[in-house]
Amino acid sequence: MSRIALAMNGVRESSVKGRLRWSLAGRLVARELDNASIVIRSGFAARERLLAAHPTTFFVPPRYDAHMMVVARLSEGDPTAITAAIHAAWTLQTSAE
């Protein structure tokens, strides 16, 4: 994931409590949730589209229901869909500048 995230203009990598985090101007793009998944910033409508189109790749735990985030399963997920979601998260954060 580092290679994908760091290829986007302005994205910085850091580590919080031993987990990697990628941000743009201090705003979250994505971060490791655990060894098997990452949290990706997503608008609510985009999140619903991801969940509908890729139900085995993305999910939303109850604690993230009210947040603009989606979780991606890395091992069994669709790498193209995950990459697209990370790019969408970057675009979301660039529009917040």
N, C-alpha and C. Protein backbone atom coordinates (compact mmCIF):
# COMPACT_ATOMS: atom_id res chain seq x y z
N MET A 1 0.80 -1.18 0.00
CA MET A 1 0.00 0.00 0.00
C MET A 1 0.85 1.26 0.00
N SER A 2 2.01 1.20 0.62
CA SER A 2 2.87 2.38 0.66
C SER A 2 3.20 2.88 -0.73
N ARG A 3 3.55 1.98 -1.62
CA ARG A 3 3.92 2.37 -2.98
C ARG A 3 2.77 3.09 -3.67
N ILE A 4 1.57 2.59 -3.51
CA ILE A 4 0.39 3.20 -4.14
C ILE A 4 0.13 4.57 -3.54
N ALA A 5 0.08 4.66 -2.23
CA ALA A 5 -0.24 5.92 -1.56
C ALA A 5 0.83 6.98 -1.81
N LEU A 6 2.08 6.59 -1.70
CA LEU A 6 3.16 7.58 -1.84
C LEU A 6 3.35 8.05 -3.27
N ALA A 7 2.76 7.37 -4.23
CA ALA A 7 2.84 7.81 -5.62
C ALA A 7 1.94 9.01 -5.89
N MET A 8 1.05 9.31 -4.97
CA MET A 8 0.13 10.43 -5.15
C MET A 8 0.76 11.71 -4.59
N ASN A 9 0.59 12.77 -5.31
CA ASN A 9 1.20 14.05 -4.97
C ASN A 9 0.83 14.52 -3.56
N GLY A 10 1.84 14.79 -2.75
CA GLY A 10 1.64 15.35 -1.43
C GLY A 10 1.38 14.37 -0.31
N VAL A 11 1.24 13.10 -0.62
CA VAL A 11 0.94 12.11 0.42
C VAL A 11 2.21 11.82 1.23
N ARG A 12 2.04 11.80 2.53
CA ARG A 12 3.13 11.50 3.45
C ARG A 12 2.78 10.25 4.23
N GLU A 13 3.81 9.48 4.56
CA GLU A 13 3.63 8.26 5.35
C GLU A 13 4.14 8.51 6.76
N SER A 14 3.40 8.02 7.73
CA SER A 14 3.82 8.08 9.13
C SER A 14 3.39 6.78 9.80
N SER A 15 3.76 6.66 11.04
CA SER A 15 3.38 5.47 11.81
C SER A 15 2.75 5.93 13.12
N VAL A 16 1.60 5.35 13.41
CA VAL A 16 0.90 5.64 14.66
C VAL A 16 0.64 4.31 15.35
N LYS A 17 1.20 4.16 16.53
CA LYS A 17 1.05 2.92 17.31
C LYS A 17 1.45 1.70 16.48
N GLY A 18 2.51 1.84 15.70
CA GLY A 18 3.04 0.73 14.92
C GLY A 18 2.30 0.44 13.63
N ARG A 19 1.31 1.24 13.29
CA ARG A 19 0.54 1.04 12.06
C ARG A 19 0.82 2.19 11.10
N LEU A 20 0.99 1.87 9.82
CA LEU A 20 1.25 2.90 8.83
C LEU A 20 0.01 3.72 8.56
N ARG A 21 0.25 5.00 8.26
CA ARG A 21 -0.82 5.95 7.96
C ARG A 21 -0.34 6.81 6.80
N TRP A 22 -1.25 7.06 5.85
CA TRP A 22 -0.92 7.91 4.70
C TRP A 22 -1.87 9.10 4.74
N SER A 23 -1.29 10.30 4.68
CA SER A 23 -2.12 11.49 4.79
C SER A 23 -1.67 12.56 3.81
N LEU A 24 -2.57 13.48 3.56
CA LEU A 24 -2.32 14.63 2.70
C LEU A 24 -2.59 15.87 3.53
N ALA A 25 -1.56 16.66 3.75
CA ALA A 25 -1.69 17.89 4.56
C ALA A 25 -2.35 17.58 5.91
N GLY A 26 -1.97 16.46 6.51
CA GLY A 26 -2.48 16.07 7.82
C GLY A 26 -3.84 15.39 7.82
N ARG A 27 -4.46 15.27 6.66
CA ARG A 27 -5.78 14.63 6.57
C ARG A 27 -5.63 13.19 6.08
N LEU A 28 -6.34 12.29 6.72
CA LEU A 28 -6.24 10.86 6.43
C LEU A 28 -6.63 10.54 4.99
N VAL A 29 -5.79 9.75 4.33
CA VAL A 29 -6.13 9.13 3.06
C VAL A 29 -6.43 7.65 3.34
N ALA A 30 -5.50 6.98 4.02
CA ALA A 30 -5.69 5.57 4.39
C ALA A 30 -4.76 5.25 5.56
N ARG A 31 -5.10 4.17 6.26
CA ARG A 31 -4.22 3.70 7.34
C ARG A 31 -4.44 2.21 7.55
N GLU A 32 -3.40 1.57 8.07
CA GLU A 32 -3.52 0.16 8.39
C GLU A 32 -4.45 0.01 9.59
N LEU A 33 -5.37 -0.92 9.48
CA LEU A 33 -6.24 -1.24 10.61
C LEU A 33 -5.63 -2.40 11.40
N ASP A 34 -5.18 -3.40 10.67
CA ASP A 34 -4.49 -4.56 11.23
C ASP A 34 -3.65 -5.16 10.11
N ASN A 35 -3.14 -6.37 10.30
CA ASN A 35 -2.28 -6.98 9.29
C ASN A 35 -3.02 -7.37 8.02
N ALA A 36 -4.34 -7.43 8.08
CA ALA A 36 -5.12 -7.92 6.94
C ALA A 36 -6.01 -6.87 6.28
N SER A 37 -6.06 -5.65 6.84
CA SER A 37 -6.98 -4.67 6.28
C SER A 37 -6.50 -3.24 6.49
N ILE A 38 -7.04 -2.35 5.65
CA ILE A 38 -6.75 -0.93 5.78
C ILE A 38 -8.06 -0.15 5.80
N VAL A 39 -8.02 0.99 6.44
CA VAL A 39 -9.14 1.92 6.46
C VAL A 39 -8.85 2.98 5.40
N ILE A 40 -9.84 3.27 4.57
CA ILE A 40 -9.69 4.25 3.50
C ILE A 40 -10.75 5.32 3.66
N ARG A 41 -10.34 6.57 3.55
CA ARG A 41 -11.29 7.68 3.61
C ARG A 41 -12.22 7.60 2.41
N SER A 42 -13.51 7.83 2.63
CA SER A 42 -14.48 7.73 1.54
C SER A 42 -15.71 8.55 1.88
N GLY A 43 -16.24 9.24 0.90
CA GLY A 43 -17.53 9.89 1.09
C GLY A 43 -18.60 8.83 1.26
N PHE A 44 -19.72 9.20 1.86
CA PHE A 44 -20.76 8.21 2.15
C PHE A 44 -21.34 7.58 0.87
N ALA A 45 -21.62 8.39 -0.15
CA ALA A 45 -22.18 7.84 -1.39
C ALA A 45 -21.18 6.93 -2.08
N ALA A 46 -19.91 7.34 -2.12
CA ALA A 46 -18.87 6.51 -2.73
C ALA A 46 -18.70 5.21 -1.95
N ARG A 47 -18.80 5.30 -0.64
CA ARG A 47 -18.68 4.10 0.20
C ARG A 47 -19.79 3.10 -0.13
N GLU A 48 -21.01 3.58 -0.29
CA GLU A 48 -22.11 2.68 -0.63
C GLU A 48 -21.89 2.02 -1.99
N ARG A 49 -21.34 2.77 -2.93
CA ARG A 49 -21.05 2.19 -4.25
C ARG A 49 -19.97 1.11 -4.14
N LEU A 50 -18.93 1.36 -3.33
CA LEU A 50 -17.87 0.36 -3.13
C LEU A 50 -18.44 -0.91 -2.50
N LEU A 51 -19.26 -0.74 -1.48
CA LEU A 51 -19.84 -1.90 -0.79
C LEU A 51 -20.72 -2.72 -1.74
N ALA A 52 -21.48 -2.04 -2.59
CA ALA A 52 -22.36 -2.74 -3.52
C ALA A 52 -21.58 -3.44 -4.63
N ALA A 53 -20.55 -2.78 -5.13
CA ALA A 53 -19.79 -3.32 -6.26
C ALA A 53 -18.77 -4.38 -5.84
N HIS A 54 -18.25 -4.27 -4.62
CA HIS A 54 -17.17 -5.17 -4.18
C HIS A 54 -17.41 -5.65 -2.74
N PRO A 55 -18.47 -6.43 -2.51
CA PRO A 55 -18.82 -6.83 -1.14
C PRO A 55 -17.80 -7.74 -0.46
N THR A 56 -16.96 -8.42 -1.22
CA THR A 56 -15.94 -9.25 -0.58
C THR A 56 -14.65 -8.47 -0.32
N THR A 57 -14.53 -7.29 -0.90
CA THR A 57 -13.35 -6.45 -0.71
C THR A 57 -13.54 -5.44 0.40
N PHE A 58 -14.70 -4.78 0.43
CA PHE A 58 -14.93 -3.68 1.36
C PHE A 58 -16.03 -4.02 2.36
N PHE A 59 -15.90 -3.44 3.55
CA PHE A 59 -16.94 -3.55 4.58
C PHE A 59 -16.83 -2.36 5.52
N VAL A 60 -17.87 -2.17 6.32
CA VAL A 60 -17.89 -1.08 7.30
C VAL A 60 -18.27 -1.67 8.65
N PRO A 61 -17.32 -1.72 9.58
CA PRO A 61 -17.66 -2.18 10.92
C PRO A 61 -18.62 -1.17 11.58
N PRO A 62 -19.45 -1.62 12.49
CA PRO A 62 -20.41 -0.71 13.13
C PRO A 62 -19.78 0.57 13.68
N ARG A 63 -18.57 0.50 14.20
CA ARG A 63 -17.95 1.70 14.78
C ARG A 63 -17.63 2.75 13.73
N TYR A 64 -17.64 2.40 12.44
CA TYR A 64 -17.37 3.37 11.37
C TYR A 64 -18.62 3.81 10.64
N ASP A 65 -19.79 3.36 11.06
CA ASP A 65 -21.04 3.72 10.36
C ASP A 65 -21.19 5.22 10.17
N ALA A 66 -20.88 6.00 11.18
CA ALA A 66 -21.09 7.45 11.12
C ALA A 66 -19.88 8.20 10.57
N HIS A 67 -18.86 7.47 10.14
CA HIS A 67 -17.63 8.11 9.67
C HIS A 67 -17.43 7.89 8.17
N MET A 68 -16.75 8.81 7.55
CA MET A 68 -16.49 8.72 6.12
C MET A 68 -15.29 7.79 5.87
N MET A 69 -15.49 6.52 6.14
CA MET A 69 -14.43 5.52 6.00
C MET A 69 -15.01 4.19 5.55
N VAL A 70 -14.16 3.43 4.87
CA VAL A 70 -14.49 2.08 4.47
C VAL A 70 -13.26 1.23 4.75
N VAL A 71 -13.46 -0.03 5.08
CA VAL A 71 -12.35 -0.94 5.35
C VAL A 71 -12.19 -1.88 4.16
N ALA A 72 -10.94 -2.08 3.74
CA ALA A 72 -10.63 -2.98 2.63
C ALA A 72 -9.88 -4.20 3.16
N ARG A 73 -10.33 -5.37 2.72
CA ARG A 73 -9.64 -6.63 3.05
C ARG A 73 -8.51 -6.79 2.04
N LEU A 74 -7.29 -6.83 2.52
CA LEU A 74 -6.14 -6.88 1.60
C LEU A 74 -5.93 -8.25 0.98
N SER A 75 -6.07 -9.30 1.74
CA SER A 75 -5.72 -10.63 1.22
C SER A 75 -6.72 -11.16 0.20
N GLU A 76 -8.02 -11.00 0.46
CA GLU A 76 -9.00 -11.52 -0.49
C GLU A 76 -9.67 -10.43 -1.31
N GLY A 77 -9.24 -9.18 -1.12
CA GLY A 77 -9.85 -8.08 -1.84
C GLY A 77 -9.33 -7.91 -3.26
N ASP A 78 -10.08 -7.16 -4.03
CA ASP A 78 -9.72 -6.84 -5.41
C ASP A 78 -8.70 -5.70 -5.40
N PRO A 79 -7.44 -5.98 -5.78
CA PRO A 79 -6.40 -4.95 -5.70
C PRO A 79 -6.70 -3.72 -6.55
N THR A 80 -7.35 -3.90 -7.68
CA THR A 80 -7.69 -2.76 -8.55
C THR A 80 -8.71 -1.87 -7.86
N ALA A 81 -9.70 -2.47 -7.22
CA ALA A 81 -10.72 -1.70 -6.50
C ALA A 81 -10.11 -0.98 -5.30
N ILE A 82 -9.21 -1.62 -4.60
CA ILE A 82 -8.55 -0.99 -3.45
C ILE A 82 -7.71 0.19 -3.91
N THR A 83 -6.96 0.02 -4.98
CA THR A 83 -6.15 1.11 -5.52
C THR A 83 -7.04 2.28 -5.94
N ALA A 84 -8.14 1.99 -6.60
CA ALA A 84 -9.08 3.04 -7.01
C ALA A 84 -9.66 3.76 -5.80
N ALA A 85 -9.97 3.04 -4.74
CA ALA A 85 -10.51 3.66 -3.53
C ALA A 85 -9.49 4.57 -2.87
N ILE A 86 -8.22 4.17 -2.88
CA ILE A 86 -7.17 5.02 -2.31
C ILE A 86 -7.02 6.29 -3.15
N HIS A 87 -7.06 6.15 -4.46
CA HIS A 87 -6.99 7.34 -5.33
C HIS A 87 -8.20 8.25 -5.09
N ALA A 88 -9.37 7.68 -4.90
CA ALA A 88 -10.57 8.48 -4.61
C ALA A 88 -10.43 9.20 -3.28
N ALA A 89 -9.81 8.54 -2.29
CA ALA A 89 -9.58 9.17 -0.99
C ALA A 89 -8.65 10.36 -1.14
N TRP A 90 -7.62 10.22 -1.94
CA TRP A 90 -6.69 11.32 -2.21
C TRP A 90 -7.44 12.48 -2.87
N THR A 91 -8.28 12.17 -3.85
CA THR A 91 -9.05 13.21 -4.53
C THR A 91 -9.98 13.91 -3.55
N LEU A 92 -10.62 13.15 -2.67
CA LEU A 92 -11.49 13.72 -1.65
C LEU A 92 -10.72 14.71 -0.78
N GLN A 93 -9.51 14.33 -0.39
CA GLN A 93 -8.71 15.19 0.48
C GLN A 93 -8.13 16.39 -0.27
N THR A 94 -7.85 16.24 -1.55
CA THR A 94 -7.34 17.41 -2.31
C THR A 94 -8.44 18.44 -2.48
N SER A 95 -9.69 18.00 -2.55
CA SER A 95 -10.79 18.96 -2.68
C SER A 95 -11.07 19.69 -1.36
N ALA A 96 -10.54 19.16 -0.26
CA ALA A 96 -10.73 19.78 1.05
C ALA A 96 -9.71 20.88 1.31
N GLU A 97 -8.72 20.98 0.43
CA GLU A 97 -7.66 21.99 0.66
C GLU A 97 -8.17 23.40 0.49
